[in-house]
Amino acid sequence: MCLARTLGADADEDPLEWNEHCAGDQSTRFNRARGDLSADRWEKQVPTMFFLFASFTVVYFLVVAAFLPETKGKTLEEIEAHFEAA
């Protein structure tokens, strides 16, 4: 359809203007179709993403617990000495 518009453009009209319009129109149709497809898989995607992000949180918690010291009630000098010793 867009190619026909470009080929059928008048001499006064800029064919690139038609192409830009058609490119936007095609991308809109593609995004809507893609959205419809992903909506069908929504029930499968939600648990997968939940467990993926939950696993990231568990890994983050373990790294923090293992590598970051408790700093409550310590002075900056004590914290600095802890990191210099390591």
Protein backbone atom coordinates (compact mmCIF):
# COMPACT_ATOMS: atom_id res chain seq x y z
CA MET A 1 0.00 0.00 0.00
CA CYS A 2 2.78 2.44 0.88
CA LEU A 3 4.74 1.59 -2.23
CA ALA A 4 1.67 2.35 -4.34
CA ARG A 5 1.35 5.70 -2.60
CA THR A 6 4.99 6.49 -3.32
CA LEU A 7 4.74 5.48 -6.96
CA GLY A 8 1.44 7.32 -7.37
CA ALA A 9 2.62 10.55 -5.74
CA ASP A 10 2.10 13.75 -7.66
CA ALA A 11 5.06 15.75 -8.95
CA ASP A 12 4.38 18.40 -6.28
CA GLU A 13 4.46 15.89 -3.42
CA ASP A 14 7.62 14.67 -1.81
CA PRO A 15 7.82 10.85 -2.05
CA LEU A 16 9.97 10.71 1.11
CA GLU A 17 7.13 12.23 3.07
CA TRP A 18 4.93 9.35 2.04
CA ASN A 19 7.63 6.83 2.97
CA GLU A 20 8.00 8.30 6.46
CA HIS A 21 4.25 8.11 6.95
CA CYS A 22 4.14 4.53 5.74
CA ALA A 23 7.09 3.48 7.92
CA GLY A 24 5.29 4.78 10.98
CA ASP A 25 2.12 3.05 9.92
CA GLN A 26 3.92 -0.27 9.43
CA SER A 27 5.73 -0.06 12.77
CA THR A 28 2.42 0.69 14.50
CA ARG A 29 0.82 -2.36 12.95
CA PHE A 30 3.83 -4.51 13.90
CA ASN A 31 3.79 -3.32 17.51
CA ARG A 32 0.06 -3.95 17.85
CA ALA A 33 0.42 -7.46 16.43
CA ARG A 34 3.35 -8.15 18.74
CA GLY A 35 1.34 -6.88 21.70
CA ASP A 36 -1.49 -9.25 20.84
CA LEU A 37 0.93 -12.16 20.74
CA SER A 38 2.49 -11.33 24.08
CA ALA A 39 -0.93 -10.89 25.68
CA ASP A 40 -1.68 -14.52 24.80
CA ARG A 41 1.46 -15.64 26.63
CA TRP A 42 0.90 -13.37 29.64
CA GLU A 43 -0.01 -16.22 32.00
CA LYS A 44 3.28 -17.99 31.23
CA GLN A 45 5.44 -14.87 31.36
CA VAL A 46 4.39 -13.54 34.77
CA PRO A 47 5.58 -16.49 36.89
CA THR A 48 8.79 -16.75 34.87
CA MET A 49 9.65 -13.09 35.39
CA PHE A 50 8.68 -13.27 39.06
CA PHE A 51 11.03 -16.18 39.75
CA LEU A 52 13.79 -14.59 37.67
CA PHE A 53 13.69 -11.36 39.68
CA ALA A 54 13.22 -13.29 42.94
CA SER A 55 16.40 -15.25 42.18
CA PHE A 56 18.26 -11.98 41.51
CA THR A 57 17.11 -10.75 44.92
CA VAL A 58 18.31 -13.92 46.67
CA VAL A 59 21.72 -13.67 44.98
CA TYR A 60 21.97 -9.99 45.91
CA PHE A 61 21.06 -10.76 49.54
CA LEU A 62 23.72 -13.50 49.76
CA VAL A 63 26.40 -11.22 48.28
CA VAL A 64 25.52 -8.42 50.70
CA ALA A 65 25.46 -10.79 53.68
CA ALA A 66 28.81 -12.32 52.74
CA PHE A 67 30.84 -9.29 51.65
CA LEU A 68 29.48 -6.19 53.37
CA PRO A 69 30.21 -5.77 57.07
CA GLU A 70 27.80 -4.48 59.67
CA THR A 71 28.54 -0.80 60.28
CA LYS A 72 25.98 0.03 62.96
CA GLY A 73 27.70 1.50 66.02
CA LYS A 74 31.17 1.55 64.42
CA THR A 75 33.31 4.59 63.75
CA LEU A 76 34.66 5.42 60.32
CA GLU A 77 38.14 4.45 61.51
CA GLU A 78 36.93 0.96 62.49
CA ILE A 79 35.21 0.50 59.13
CA GLU A 80 38.33 1.69 57.31
CA ALA A 81 40.49 -0.72 59.33
CA HIS A 82 38.16 -3.57 58.38
CA PHE A 83 38.56 -2.91 54.65
CA GLU A 84 42.31 -2.36 54.89
CA ALA A 85 42.74 -5.70 56.63
CA ALA A 86 40.94 -7.55 53.85
